[in-house]
C-alpha atoms as a PDB file:
ATOM      1  CA  UNK A   1    -157.417 -24.377  23.514  1.00  0.00           C
ATOM      2  CA  UNK A   2    -155.502 -21.767  25.398  1.00  0.00           C
ATOM      3  CA  UNK A   3    -152.012 -23.160  25.306  1.00  0.00           C
ATOM      4  CA  UNK A   4    -148.647 -22.097  26.836  1.00  0.00           C
ATOM      5  CA  UNK A   5    -147.820 -19.946  23.862  1.00  0.00           C
ATOM      6  CA  UNK A   6    -150.906 -17.811  24.219  1.00  0.00           C
ATOM      7  CA  UNK A   7    -150.470 -17.704  28.023  1.00  0.00           C
ATOM      8  CA  UNK A   8    -146.941 -16.359  27.560  1.00  0.00           C
ATOM      9  CA  UNK A   9    -148.131 -13.710  25.214  1.00  0.00           C
ATOM     10  CA  UNK A  10    -150.740 -12.522  27.661  1.00  0.00           C
ATOM     11  CA  UNK A  11    -148.454 -12.435  30.598  1.00  0.00           C
ATOM     12  CA  UNK A  12    -145.982 -10.355  28.623  1.00  0.00           C
ATOM     13  CA  UNK A  13    -148.759  -8.036  27.743  1.00  0.00           C
ATOM     14  CA  UNK A  14    -150.233  -7.801  31.161  1.00  0.00           C
ATOM     15  CA  UNK A  15    -146.974  -7.464  32.945  1.00  0.00           C
ATOM     16  CA  UNK A  16    -146.000  -4.551  30.779  1.00  0.00           C
ATOM     17  CA  UNK A  17    -149.429  -2.920  31.362  1.00  0.00           C
ATOM     18  CA  UNK A  18    -149.134  -3.490  35.059  1.00  0.00           C
ATOM     19  CA  UNK A  19    -146.004  -1.502  35.269  1.00  0.00           C
ATOM     20  CA  UNK A  20    -147.063   1.165  32.709  1.00  0.00           C
ATOM     21  CA  UNK A  21    -150.304   1.849  34.609  1.00  0.00           C
ATOM     22  CA  UNK A  22    -148.460   2.067  37.973  1.00  0.00           C
ATOM     23  CA  UNK A  23    -150.859  -0.537  39.403  1.00  0.00           C
ATOM     24  CA  UNK A  24    -150.109  -2.238  42.701  1.00  0.00           C
ATOM     25  CA  UNK A  25    -153.312  -4.315  42.852  1.00  0.00           C
ATOM     26  CA  UNK A  26    -152.247  -7.939  42.253  1.00  0.00           C
ATOM     27  CA  UNK A  27    -155.867  -9.258  42.571  1.00  0.00           C
ATOM     28  CA  UNK A  28    -157.117  -6.945  39.803  1.00  0.00           C
ATOM     29  CA  UNK A  29    -154.125  -7.684  37.597  1.00  0.00           C
ATOM     30  CA  UNK A  30    -154.755 -11.372  37.795  1.00  0.00           C
ATOM     31  CA  UNK A  31    -158.443 -10.954  36.960  1.00  0.00           C
ATOM     32  CA  UNK A  32    -157.479  -8.894  34.029  1.00  0.00           C
ATOM     33  CA  UNK A  33    -155.068 -11.738  32.885  1.00  0.00           C
ATOM     34  CA  UNK A  34    -157.647 -14.453  33.187  1.00  0.00           C
ATOM     35  CA  UNK A  35    -160.186 -12.245  31.377  1.00  0.00           C
ATOM     36  CA  UNK A  36    -157.819 -11.563  28.576  1.00  0.00           C
ATOM     37  CA  UNK A  37    -157.272 -15.281  28.230  1.00  0.00           C
ATOM     38  CA  UNK A  38    -161.020 -15.928  28.137  1.00  0.00           C
ATOM     39  CA  UNK A  39    -161.369 -13.467  25.318  1.00  0.00           C
ATOM     40  CA  UNK A  40    -159.035 -15.593  23.339  1.00  0.00           C
ATOM     41  CA  UNK A  41    -161.510 -18.456  23.707  1.00  0.00           C
ATOM     42  CA  UNK A  42    -164.390 -16.124  22.730  1.00  0.00           C
ATOM     43  CA  UNK A  43    -162.415 -15.387  19.561  1.00  0.00           C
ATOM     44  CA  UNK A  44    -162.072 -19.123  18.827  1.00  0.00           C
ATOM     45  CA  UNK A  45    -165.792 -19.638  19.052  1.00  0.00           C
ATOM     46  CA  UNK A  46    -166.568 -16.382  17.077  1.00  0.00           C
ATOM     47  CA  UNK A  47    -164.315 -17.500  14.169  1.00  0.00           C
ATOM     48  CA  UNK A  48    -166.077 -20.859  14.061  1.00  0.00           C
ATOM     49  CA  UNK A  49    -169.293 -19.014  13.913  1.00  0.00           C
ATOM     50  CA  UNK A  50    -168.091 -17.228  10.827  1.00  0.00           C
ATOM     51  CA  UNK A  51    -168.532 -20.520   8.860  1.00  0.00           C
ATOM     52  CA  UNK A  52    -172.249 -20.531   9.776  1.00  0.00           C
ATOM     53  CA  UNK A  53    -172.590 -16.782   8.917  1.00  0.00           C
ATOM     54  CA  UNK A  54    -171.094 -17.475   5.468  1.00  0.00           C
ATOM     55  CA  UNK A  55    -173.402 -20.468   4.967  1.00  0.00           C
ATOM     56  CA  UNK A  56    -176.463 -18.451   5.939  1.00  0.00           C
ATOM     57  CA  UNK A  57    -175.580 -15.733   3.473  1.00  0.00           C
ATOM     58  CA  UNK A  58    -174.926 -18.289   0.722  1.00  0.00           C
ATOM     59  CA  UNK A  59    -178.378 -19.865   1.529  1.00  0.00           C
ATOM     60  CA  UNK A  60    -179.982 -16.459   1.159  1.00  0.00           C
ATOM     61  CA  UNK A  61    -178.314 -16.100  -2.293  1.00  0.00           C
ATOM     62  CA  UNK A  62    -179.320 -19.526  -3.412  1.00  0.00           C
ATOM     63  CA  UNK A  63    -183.077 -18.981  -2.445  1.00  0.00           C
ATOM     64  CA  UNK A  64    -182.981 -15.791  -4.557  1.00  0.00           C
ATOM     65  CA  UNK A  65    -181.395 -17.684  -7.506  1.00  0.00           C
ATOM     66  CA  UNK A  66    -183.840 -20.418  -7.075  1.00  0.00           C
ATOM     67  CA  UNK A  67    -186.814 -18.072  -7.263  1.00  0.00           C
ATOM     68  CA  UNK A  68    -185.363 -16.341 -10.326  1.00  0.00           C
ATOM     69  CA  UNK A  69    -184.789 -19.775 -11.989  1.00  0.00           C
ATOM     70  CA  UNK A  70    -188.391 -20.819 -11.357  1.00  0.00           C
ATOM     71  CA  UNK A  71    -189.698 -17.523 -12.568  1.00  0.00           C
ATOM     72  CA  UNK A  72    -187.521 -17.318 -15.699  1.00  0.00           C
ATOM     73  CA  UNK A  73    -187.205 -20.993 -16.470  1.00  0.00           C
ATOM     74  CA  UNK A  74    -183.468 -21.059 -15.944  1.00  0.00           C
ATOM     75  CA  UNK A  75    -181.464 -23.912 -14.543  1.00  0.00           C
ATOM     76  CA  UNK A  76    -181.625 -24.434 -10.849  1.00  0.00           C
ATOM     77  CA  UNK A  77    -178.607 -23.260  -8.847  1.00  0.00           C
ATOM     78  CA  UNK A  78    -176.047 -25.729  -7.480  1.00  0.00           C
ATOM     79  CA  UNK A  79    -176.869 -26.125  -3.776  1.00  0.00           C
ATOM     80  CA  UNK A  80    -173.760 -28.205  -2.924  1.00  0.00           C
ATOM     81  CA  UNK A  81    -172.071 -25.405  -0.880  1.00  0.00           C
ATOM     82  CA  UNK A  82    -175.267 -24.438   0.982  1.00  0.00           C
ATOM     83  CA  UNK A  83    -175.907 -28.105   1.896  1.00  0.00           C
ATOM     84  CA  UNK A  84    -172.285 -28.589   2.984  1.00  0.00           C
ATOM     85  CA  UNK A  85    -172.657 -31.245   5.842  1.00  0.00           C
ATOM     86  CA  UNK A  86    -169.669 -30.027   7.782  1.00  0.00           C
ATOM     87  CA  UNK A  87    -170.934 -26.493   7.871  1.00  0.00           C
ATOM     88  CA  UNK A  88    -174.427 -27.718   8.915  1.00  0.00           C
ATOM     89  CA  UNK A  89    -173.008 -29.807  11.601  1.00  0.00           C
ATOM     90  CA  UNK A  90    -171.014 -26.962  12.996  1.00  0.00           C
ATOM     91  CA  UNK A  91    -174.026 -24.673  12.873  1.00  0.00           C
ATOM     92  CA  UNK A  92    -175.893 -27.262  14.967  1.00  0.00           C
ATOM     93  CA  UNK A  93    -173.042 -27.968  17.403  1.00  0.00           C
ATOM     94  CA  UNK A  94    -174.251 -27.983  20.993  1.00  0.00           C
ATOM     95  CA  UNK A  95    -171.181 -26.244  22.446  1.00  0.00           C
ATOM     96  CA  UNK A  96    -171.343 -23.524  19.802  1.00  0.00           C
ATOM     97  CA  UNK A  97    -174.982 -22.977  20.331  1.00  0.00           C
ATOM     98  CA  UNK A  98    -174.391 -22.760  24.033  1.00  0.00           C
ATOM     99  CA  UNK A  99    -171.659 -20.129  23.450  1.00  0.00           C
ATOM    100  CA  UNK A 100    -173.891 -18.043  21.158  1.00  0.00           C
ATOM    101  CA  UNK A 101    -176.763 -18.003  23.744  1.00  0.00           C
ATOM    102  CA  UNK A 102    -174.473 -17.146  26.687  1.00  0.00           C
ATOM    103  CA  UNK A 103    -172.333 -14.473  24.954  1.00  0.00           C
ATOM    104  CA  UNK A 104    -175.070 -13.111  22.690  1.00  0.00           C
ATOM    105  CA  UNK A 105    -172.525 -12.841  19.827  1.00  0.00           C
ATOM    106  CA  UNK A 106    -173.453 -12.986  16.166  1.00  0.00           C
ATOM    107  CA  UNK A 107    -172.050 -11.784  12.821  1.00  0.00           C
ATOM    108  CA  UNK A 108    -175.183  -9.834  12.038  1.00  0.00           C
ATOM    109  CA  UNK A 109    -173.375  -6.551  12.884  1.00  0.00           C
ATOM    110  CA  UNK A 110    -170.859  -7.252  10.074  1.00  0.00           C
ATOM    111  CA  UNK A 111    -172.838  -8.494   7.253  1.00  0.00           C
ATOM    112  CA  UNK A 112    -171.001  -6.265   4.863  1.00  0.00           C
ATOM    113  CA  UNK A 113    -167.813  -8.157   5.641  1.00  0.00           C
ATOM    114  CA  UNK A 114    -169.577 -11.518   5.459  1.00  0.00           C
ATOM    115  CA  UNK A 115    -170.995 -10.801   2.016  1.00  0.00           C
ATOM    116  CA  UNK A 116    -167.604  -9.551   0.783  1.00  0.00           C
ATOM    117  CA  UNK A 117    -166.048 -12.796   2.021  1.00  0.00           C
ATOM    118  CA  UNK A 118    -168.775 -14.794   0.204  1.00  0.00           C
ATOM    119  CA  UNK A 119    -167.867 -13.012  -2.982  1.00  0.00           C
ATOM    120  CA  UNK A 120    -164.132 -13.957  -2.433  1.00  0.00           C
ATOM    121  CA  UNK A 121    -165.085 -17.532  -1.715  1.00  0.00           C
ATOM    122  CA  UNK A 122    -167.295 -17.797  -4.892  1.00  0.00           C
ATOM    123  CA  UNK A 123    -164.461 -16.420  -7.106  1.00  0.00           C
ATOM    124  CA  UNK A 124    -161.768 -18.710  -5.522  1.00  0.00           C
ATOM    125  CA  UNK A 125    -160.512 -21.794  -7.342  1.00  0.00           C
ATOM    126  CA  UNK A 126    -161.051 -23.781  -4.122  1.00  0.00           C
ATOM    127  CA  UNK A 127    -164.907 -23.007  -4.278  1.00  0.00           C
ATOM    128  CA  UNK A 128    -165.211 -23.562  -8.070  1.00  0.00           C
ATOM    129  CA  UNK A 129    -163.342 -26.931  -8.002  1.00  0.00           C
ATOM    130  CA  UNK A 130    -165.440 -28.078  -4.969  1.00  0.00           C
ATOM    131  CA  UNK A 131    -168.661 -27.149  -6.777  1.00  0.00           C
ATOM    132  CA  UNK A 132    -167.555 -28.931 -10.032  1.00  0.00           C
ATOM    133  CA  UNK A 133    -166.290 -32.044  -8.223  1.00  0.00           C
ATOM    134  CA  UNK A 134    -168.303 -35.168  -8.204  1.00  0.00           C
ATOM    135  CA  UNK A 135    -167.043 -36.083  -4.798  1.00  0.00           C
ATOM    136  CA  UNK A 136    -170.073 -35.830  -2.536  1.00  0.00           C
ATOM    137  CA  UNK A 137    -168.504 -37.049   0.634  1.00  0.00           C
ATOM    138  CA  UNK A 138    -168.434 -35.478   4.077  1.00  0.00           C
ATOM    139  CA  UNK A 139    -164.579 -35.416   3.968  1.00  0.00           C
ATOM    140  CA  UNK A 140    -164.778 -33.237   0.810  1.00  0.00           C
ATOM    141  CA  UNK A 141    -167.331 -30.875   2.697  1.00  0.00           C
ATOM    142  CA  UNK A 142    -164.923 -30.603   5.533  1.00  0.00           C
ATOM    143  CA  UNK A 143    -161.764 -30.142   3.441  1.00  0.00           C
ATOM    144  CA  UNK A 144    -163.255 -27.345   1.411  1.00  0.00           C
ATOM    145  CA  UNK A 145    -163.792 -25.223   4.493  1.00  0.00           C
ATOM    146  CA  UNK A 146    -160.391 -26.085   5.836  1.00  0.00           C
ATOM    147  CA  UNK A 147    -158.875 -24.665   2.534  1.00  0.00           C
ATOM    148  CA  UNK A 148    -161.201 -21.707   2.643  1.00  0.00           C
ATOM    149  CA  UNK A 149    -160.242 -20.811   6.112  1.00  0.00           C
ATOM    150  CA  UNK A 150    -156.486 -21.112   5.536  1.00  0.00           C
ATOM    151  CA  UNK A 151    -156.577 -19.256   2.278  1.00  0.00           C
ATOM    152  CA  UNK A 152    -159.218 -16.582   2.696  1.00  0.00           C
ATOM    153  CA  UNK A 153    -159.751 -16.135   6.502  1.00  0.00           C
ATOM    154  CA  UNK A 154    -156.431 -16.755   8.195  1.00  0.00           C
ATOM    155  CA  UNK A 155    -154.610 -13.755   6.799  1.00  0.00           C
ATOM    156  CA  UNK A 156    -157.503 -11.568   5.926  1.00  0.00           C
ATOM    157  CA  UNK A 157    -156.715  -7.917   6.653  1.00  0.00           C
ATOM    158  CA  UNK A 158    -160.301  -6.760   6.647  1.00  0.00           C
ATOM    159  CA  UNK A 159    -161.255  -9.372   9.183  1.00  0.00           C
ATOM    160  CA  UNK A 160    -158.516  -8.099  11.423  1.00  0.00           C
ATOM    161  CA  UNK A 161    -160.302  -4.659  11.371  1.00  0.00           C
ATOM    162  CA  UNK A 162    -163.639  -6.281  12.262  1.00  0.00           C
ATOM    163  CA  UNK A 163    -162.032  -8.134  15.173  1.00  0.00           C
ATOM    164  CA  UNK A 164    -160.266  -5.071  16.518  1.00  0.00           C
ATOM    165  CA  UNK A 165    -163.650  -3.222  16.468  1.00  0.00           C
ATOM    166  CA  UNK A 166    -165.134  -6.123  18.596  1.00  0.00           C
ATOM    167  CA  UNK A 167    -162.363  -6.502  21.030  1.00  0.00           C
ATOM    168  CA  UNK A 168    -158.857  -4.848  21.678  1.00  0.00           C
ATOM    169  CA  UNK A 169    -157.612  -8.296  22.723  1.00  0.00           C
ATOM    170  CA  UNK A 170    -158.281 -10.186  19.586  1.00  0.00           C
ATOM    171  CA  UNK A 171    -155.765  -9.161  16.878  1.00  0.00           C
ATOM    172  CA  UNK A 172    -152.882 -10.222  19.158  1.00  0.00           C
ATOM    173  CA  UNK A 173    -154.682 -13.590  19.726  1.00  0.00           C
ATOM    174  CA  UNK A 174    -155.674 -14.362  16.171  1.00  0.00           C
ATOM    175  CA  UNK A 175    -152.515 -15.978  14.845  1.00  0.00           C
ATOM    176  CA  UNK A 176    -152.519 -18.556  17.574  1.00  0.00           C
ATOM    177  CA  UNK A 177    -156.350 -19.025  17.640  1.00  0.00           C
ATOM    178  CA  UNK A 178    -156.355 -19.685  13.883  1.00  0.00           C
ATOM    179  CA  UNK A 179    -154.221 -22.824  14.332  1.00  0.00           C
ATOM    180  CA  UNK A 180    -156.799 -24.082  16.753  1.00  0.00           C
ATOM    181  CA  UNK A 181    -159.785 -23.343  14.431  1.00  0.00           C
ATOM    182  CA  UNK A 182    -158.033 -25.293  11.636  1.00  0.00           C
ATOM    183  CA  UNK A 183    -157.311 -28.131  14.118  1.00  0.00           C
ATOM    184  CA  UNK A 184    -161.003 -28.113  15.078  1.00  0.00           C
ATOM    185  CA  UNK A 185    -162.204 -28.364  11.494  1.00  0.00           C
ATOM    186  CA  UNK A 186    -159.771 -31.268  10.803  1.00  0.00           C
ATOM    187  CA  UNK A 187    -160.973 -33.222  13.831  1.00  0.00           C
ATOM    188  CA  UNK A 188    -164.771 -32.921  13.172  1.00  0.00           C
ATOM    189  CA  UNK A 189    -166.455 -36.396  12.557  1.00  0.00           C
ATOM    190  CA  UNK A 190    -169.763 -36.718  10.879  1.00  0.00           C
ATOM    191  CA  UNK A 191    -170.861 -39.549  13.231  1.00  0.00           C
ATOM    192  CA  UNK A 192    -170.652 -37.239  16.281  1.00  0.00           C
ATOM    193  CA  UNK A 193    -173.325 -34.952  15.009  1.00  0.00           C
ATOM    194  CA  UNK A 194    -174.268 -32.031  17.257  1.00  0.00           C
ATOM    195  CA  UNK A 195    -172.289 -33.595  20.205  1.00  0.00           C
ATOM    196  CA  UNK A 196    -168.940 -33.136  18.455  1.00  0.00           C
ATOM    197  CA  UNK A 197    -166.708 -31.662  21.097  1.00  0.00           C
ATOM    198  CA  UNK A 198    -164.995 -28.361  20.423  1.00  0.00           C
ATOM    199  CA  UNK A 199    -161.675 -27.622  22.102  1.00  0.00           C
ATOM    200  CA  UNK A 200    -161.976 -26.794  25.877  1.00  0.00           C
ATOM    201  CA  UNK A 201    -160.937 -23.303  27.163  1.00  0.00           C
ATOM    202  CA  UNK A 202    -158.019 -24.828  28.982  1.00  0.00           C
ATOM    203  CA  UNK A 203    -156.510 -28.274  28.289  1.00  0.00           C
ATOM    204  CA  UNK A 204    -156.448 -28.806  32.111  1.00  0.00           C
ATOM    205  CA  UNK A 205    -156.335 -26.992  35.469  1.00  0.00           C
ATOM    206  CA  UNK A 206    -152.508 -27.077  35.269  1.00  0.00           C
ATOM    207  CA  UNK A 207    -152.427 -24.700  32.311  1.00  0.00           C
ATOM    208  CA  UNK A 208    -154.799 -22.272  33.946  1.00  0.00           C
ATOM    209  CA  UNK A 209    -152.544 -22.369  37.059  1.00  0.00           C
ATOM    210  CA  UNK A 210    -149.541 -21.833  34.796  1.00  0.00           C
ATOM    211  CA  UNK A 211    -150.841 -18.504  33.800  1.00  0.00           C
ATOM    212  CA  UNK A 212    -151.551 -17.314  37.361  1.00  0.00           C
ATOM    213  CA  UNK A 213    -148.268 -18.674  38.875  1.00  0.00           C
ATOM    214  CA  UNK A 214    -146.121 -17.303  36.079  1.00  0.00           C
ATOM    215  CA  UNK A 215    -147.657 -13.783  36.432  1.00  0.00           C
ATOM    216  CA  UNK A 216    -147.549 -13.738  40.224  1.00  0.00           C
ATOM    217  CA  UNK A 217    -143.951 -14.936  40.228  1.00  0.00           C
ATOM    218  CA  UNK A 218    -143.045 -12.274  37.744  1.00  0.00           C
ATOM    219  CA  UNK A 219    -144.458  -9.403  39.865  1.00  0.00           C
ATOM    220  CA  UNK A 220    -143.566 -10.607  43.352  1.00  0.00           C
ATOM    221  CA  UNK A 221    -139.973 -11.412  42.547  1.00  0.00           C
ATOM    222  CA  UNK A 222    -139.295  -8.573  40.248  1.00  0.00           C
ATOM    223  CA  UNK A 223    -136.418  -6.995  42.388  1.00  0.00           C
ATOM    224  CA  UNK A 224    -134.681 -10.385  42.614  1.00  0.00           C
ATOM    225  CA  UNK A 225    -134.934 -11.199  38.955  1.00  0.00           C
ATOM    226  CA  UNK A 226    -133.771  -7.685  37.904  1.00  0.00           C
ATOM    227  CA  UNK A 227    -130.817  -8.175  40.160  1.00  0.00           C
ATOM    228  CA  UNK A 228    -129.922 -11.302  38.411  1.00  0.00           C
ATOM    229  CA  UNK A 229    -130.055  -9.267  35.080  1.00  0.00           C
ATOM    230  CA  UNK A 230    -127.928  -6.710  36.540  1.00  0.00           C
ATOM    231  CA  UNK A 231    -125.300  -9.086  37.901  1.00  0.00           C
ATOM    232  CA  UNK A 232    -124.997 -10.874  34.543  1.00  0.00           C
ATOM    233  CA  UNK A 233    -125.007  -7.868  32.276  1.00  0.00           C
ATOM    234  CA  UNK A 234    -121.469  -6.680  32.902  1.00  0.00           C
ATOM    235  CA  UNK A 235    -120.658  -7.190  29.138  1.00  0.00           C
ATOM    236  CA  UNK A 236    -123.863  -5.507  28.041  1.00  0.00           C
ATOM    237  CA  UNK A 237    -125.156  -1.996  28.393  1.00  0.00           C
ATOM    238  CA  UNK A 238    -128.084  -2.976  30.702  1.00  0.00           C
ATOM    239  CA  UNK A 239    -129.045   0.695  31.263  1.00  0.00           C
ATOM    240  CA  UNK A 240    -129.926   1.245  27.638  1.00  0.00           C
ATOM    241  CA  UNK A 241    -132.089  -1.814  27.365  1.00  0.00           C
ATOM    242  CA  UNK A 242    -135.632  -1.313  26.158  1.00  0.00           C
ATOM    243  CA  UNK A 243    -138.191  -1.569  28.899  1.00  0.00           C
ATOM    244  CA  UNK A 244    -140.087  -4.375  27.069  1.00  0.00           C
ATOM    245  CA  UNK A 245    -136.929  -6.350  27.081  1.00  0.00           C
ATOM    246  CA  UNK A 246    -136.542  -6.138  30.850  1.00  0.00           C
ATOM    247  CA  UNK A 247    -140.246  -7.293  31.152  1.00  0.00           C
ATOM    248  CA  UNK A 248    -139.608 -10.246  28.761  1.00  0.00           C
ATOM    249  CA  UNK A 249    -136.498 -11.384  30.540  1.00  0.00           C
ATOM    250  CA  UNK A 250    -138.089 -10.898  33.955  1.00  0.00           C
ATOM    251  CA  UNK A 251    -140.877 -13.289  32.820  1.00  0.00           C
ATOM    252  CA  UNK A 252    -138.410 -15.725  31.335  1.00  0.00           C
ATOM    253  CA  UNK A 253    -136.496 -15.837  34.626  1.00  0.00           C
ATOM    254  CA  UNK A 254    -139.737 -16.327  36.502  1.00  0.00           C
ATOM    255  CA  UNK A 255    -140.617 -19.311  34.339  1.00  0.00           C
ATOM    256  CA  UNK A 256    -137.121 -20.855  34.792  1.00  0.00           C
ATOM    257  CA  UNK A 257    -137.344 -20.481  38.622  1.00  0.00           C
ATOM    258  CA  UNK A 258    -140.856 -21.541  39.072  1.00  0.00           C
ATOM    259  CA  UNK A 259    -141.481 -24.509  36.794  1.00  0.00           C
ATOM    260  CA  UNK A 260    -138.986 -27.243  37.268  1.00  0.00           C
ATOM    261  CA  UNK A 261    -140.341 -29.392  34.439  1.00  0.00           C
ATOM    262  CA  UNK A 262    -139.868 -26.858  31.639  1.00  0.00           C
ATOM    263  CA  UNK A 263    -136.345 -27.020  30.187  1.00  0.00           C
ATOM    264  CA  UNK A 264    -134.148 -23.889  30.074  1.00  0.00           C
ATOM    265  CA  UNK A 265    -133.851 -24.230  26.400  1.00  0.00           C
ATOM    266  CA  UNK A 266    -137.568 -24.095  25.838  1.00  0.00           C
ATOM    267  CA  UNK A 267    -138.032 -21.127  28.095  1.00  0.00           C
ATOM    268  CA  UNK A 268    -135.326 -19.116  26.357  1.00  0.00           C
ATOM    269  CA  UNK A 269    -136.449 -19.946  22.787  1.00  0.00           C
ATOM    270  CA  UNK A 270    -140.057 -18.941  23.647  1.00  0.00           C
ATOM    271  CA  UNK A 271    -139.148 -15.617  25.051  1.00  0.00           C
ATOM    272  CA  UNK A 272    -136.620 -14.885  22.274  1.00  0.00           C
ATOM    273  CA  UNK A 273    -139.484 -15.402  19.801  1.00  0.00           C
ATOM    274  CA  UNK A 274    -141.714 -13.052  21.822  1.00  0.00           C
ATOM    275  CA  UNK A 275    -139.071 -10.407  21.666  1.00  0.00           C
ATOM    276  CA  UNK A 276    -139.138 -10.560  17.891  1.00  0.00           C
ATOM    277  CA  UNK A 277    -142.823  -9.603  17.994  1.00  0.00           C
ATOM    278  CA  UNK A 278    -143.082  -7.223  20.884  1.00  0.00           C
ATOM    279  CA  UNK A 279    -139.682  -5.420  21.190  1.00  0.00           C
ATOM    280  CA  UNK A 280    -137.083  -3.738  19.063  1.00  0.00           C
ATOM    281  CA  UNK A 281    -135.292  -5.234  15.999  1.00  0.00           C
ATOM    282  CA  UNK A 282    -132.112  -6.039  17.902  1.00  0.00           C
ATOM    283  CA  UNK A 283    -133.790  -7.196  21.020  1.00  0.00           C
ATOM    284  CA  UNK A 284    -134.058 -10.929  20.310  1.00  0.00           C
ATOM    285  CA  UNK A 285    -130.385 -11.451  19.979  1.00  0.00           C
ATOM    286  CA  UNK A 286    -129.626  -9.429  23.103  1.00  0.00           C
ATOM    287  CA  UNK A 287    -132.245 -11.281  25.063  1.00  0.00           C
ATOM    288  CA  UNK A 288    -130.981 -14.668  23.827  1.00  0.00           C
ATOM    289  CA  UNK A 289    -127.510 -13.912  25.009  1.00  0.00           C
ATOM    290  CA  UNK A 290    -128.682 -12.457  28.292  1.00  0.00           C
ATOM    291  CA  UNK A 291    -130.953 -15.259  29.215  1.00  0.00           C
ATOM    292  CA  UNK A 292    -128.413 -17.862  28.341  1.00  0.00           C
ATOM    293  CA  UNK A 293    -125.853 -16.084  30.576  1.00  0.00           C
ATOM    294  CA  UNK A 294    -128.354 -15.662  33.375  1.00  0.00           C
ATOM    295  CA  UNK A 295    -129.407 -19.349  33.437  1.00  0.00           C
ATOM    296  CA  UNK A 296    -125.767 -20.449  33.474  1.00  0.00           C
ATOM    297  CA  UNK A 297    -125.055 -18.074  36.410  1.00  0.00           C
ATOM    298  CA  UNK A 298    -128.127 -19.280  38.314  1.00  0.00           C
ATOM    299  CA  UNK A 299    -127.175 -22.857  37.765  1.00  0.00           C
ATOM    300  CA  UNK A 300    -123.608 -22.183  38.685  1.00  0.00           C
ATOM    301  CA  UNK A 301    -124.707 -20.436  41.973  1.00  0.00           C
ATOM    302  CA  UNK A 302    -126.992 -23.309  42.754  1.00  0.00           C
ATOM    303  CA  UNK A 303    -130.085 -21.071  42.484  1.00  0.00           C
ATOM    304  CA  UNK A 304    -131.572 -22.998  39.483  1.00  0.00           C
ATOM    305  CA  UNK A 305    -131.646 -26.753  39.683  1.00  0.00           C
ATOM    306  CA  UNK A 306    -131.770 -27.382  35.969  1.00  0.00           C
ATOM    307  CA  UNK A 307    -129.261 -28.137  33.195  1.00  0.00           C
ATOM    308  CA  UNK A 308    -128.860 -25.938  30.092  1.00  0.00           C
ATOM    309  CA  UNK A 309    -129.718 -28.726  27.764  1.00  0.00           C
ATOM    310  CA  UNK A 310    -129.598 -28.482  23.896  1.00  0.00           C
ATOM    311  CA  UNK A 311    -130.633 -25.186  22.414  1.00  0.00           C
ATOM    312  CA  UNK A 312    -132.600 -25.390  19.250  1.00  0.00           C
ATOM    313  CA  UNK A 313    -134.141 -22.478  17.270  1.00  0.00           C
ATOM    314  CA  UNK A 314    -137.899 -22.835  17.122  1.00  0.00           C
ATOM    315  CA  UNK A 315    -138.576 -24.841  20.222  1.00  0.00           C
ATOM    316  CA  UNK A 316    -142.097 -24.255  21.252  1.00  0.00           C
ATOM    317  CA  UNK A 317    -145.103 -25.837  22.865  1.00  0.00           C
ATOM    318  CA  UNK A 318    -146.031 -27.747  19.803  1.00  0.00           C
ATOM    319  CA  UNK A 319    -142.598 -29.243  19.362  1.00  0.00           C
ATOM    320  CA  UNK A 320    -142.769 -30.384  22.989  1.00  0.00           C
ATOM    321  CA  UNK A 321    -146.276 -31.755  22.572  1.00  0.00           C
ATOM    322  CA  UNK A 322    -147.628 -28.765  24.462  1.00  0.00           C
ATOM    323  CA  UNK A 323    -146.561 -30.368  27.734  1.00  0.00           C
ATOM    324  CA  UNK A 324    -143.996 -27.760  28.825  1.00  0.00           C
END
């Protein structure tokens, strides 16, 4: 689940913190990097658990409505949402149960948010259309939750406040993690039952090593990489560069120099995108020009055994099948 995009984000954050804190302990810094990545996987599981928390609250409401109906002779409530087969399968998922038991995490401390989310769901056209539909298939059960998540959970500002309270790491992770929650919902298959596999923490050992090697190369070769920046910045005012820009370019150069299979164009586009999020308004254009010039300089000097390739805006892990 932890992909190259999230790894790059964490390396930028941890490298900046490493310098800001004046730390010289590489071992501790690497542990912090891997810990912050593991928190992203915790968030993935915690957001999947939200589906179970909502279903539990809806079940409580349905029981109250049923008791009232029996007592007052009213029509029985529609139990379709409570009996949603996808939500029940997820609640019984072996991997999610194992996570809950090991991490001791629940939504019980945030029942007010869960109940408010239930109210929003019940008032939504998605819910009302689902409840009125005669489609009683597993696919319909799964699809309603995909729509609910995308519409009411993905950009929920109140949820962001809840997550910030739980972990300082999570708000920066959520946008990436949301895509993996949606991917997980889509890939669930009723026939797999409780054994349905969730996404693994890392796709493979190579991705985990990518994080460690990128961070280590960035720190250990800092003087060299900053010299490359200085040598190439004759047409720019390098001295006035925001410190975060220096960090981002330093990491980008580390990636160019350390990972021969990642095209230069992919690296530059990834870190230009990160600059748009983590640095100043004008930084992305500056970093784009600087990294392009640095890469050409290193190739010309025989220090970087790559070609420039074709630059395309928006190159990312997904467009490269997450292999770069």
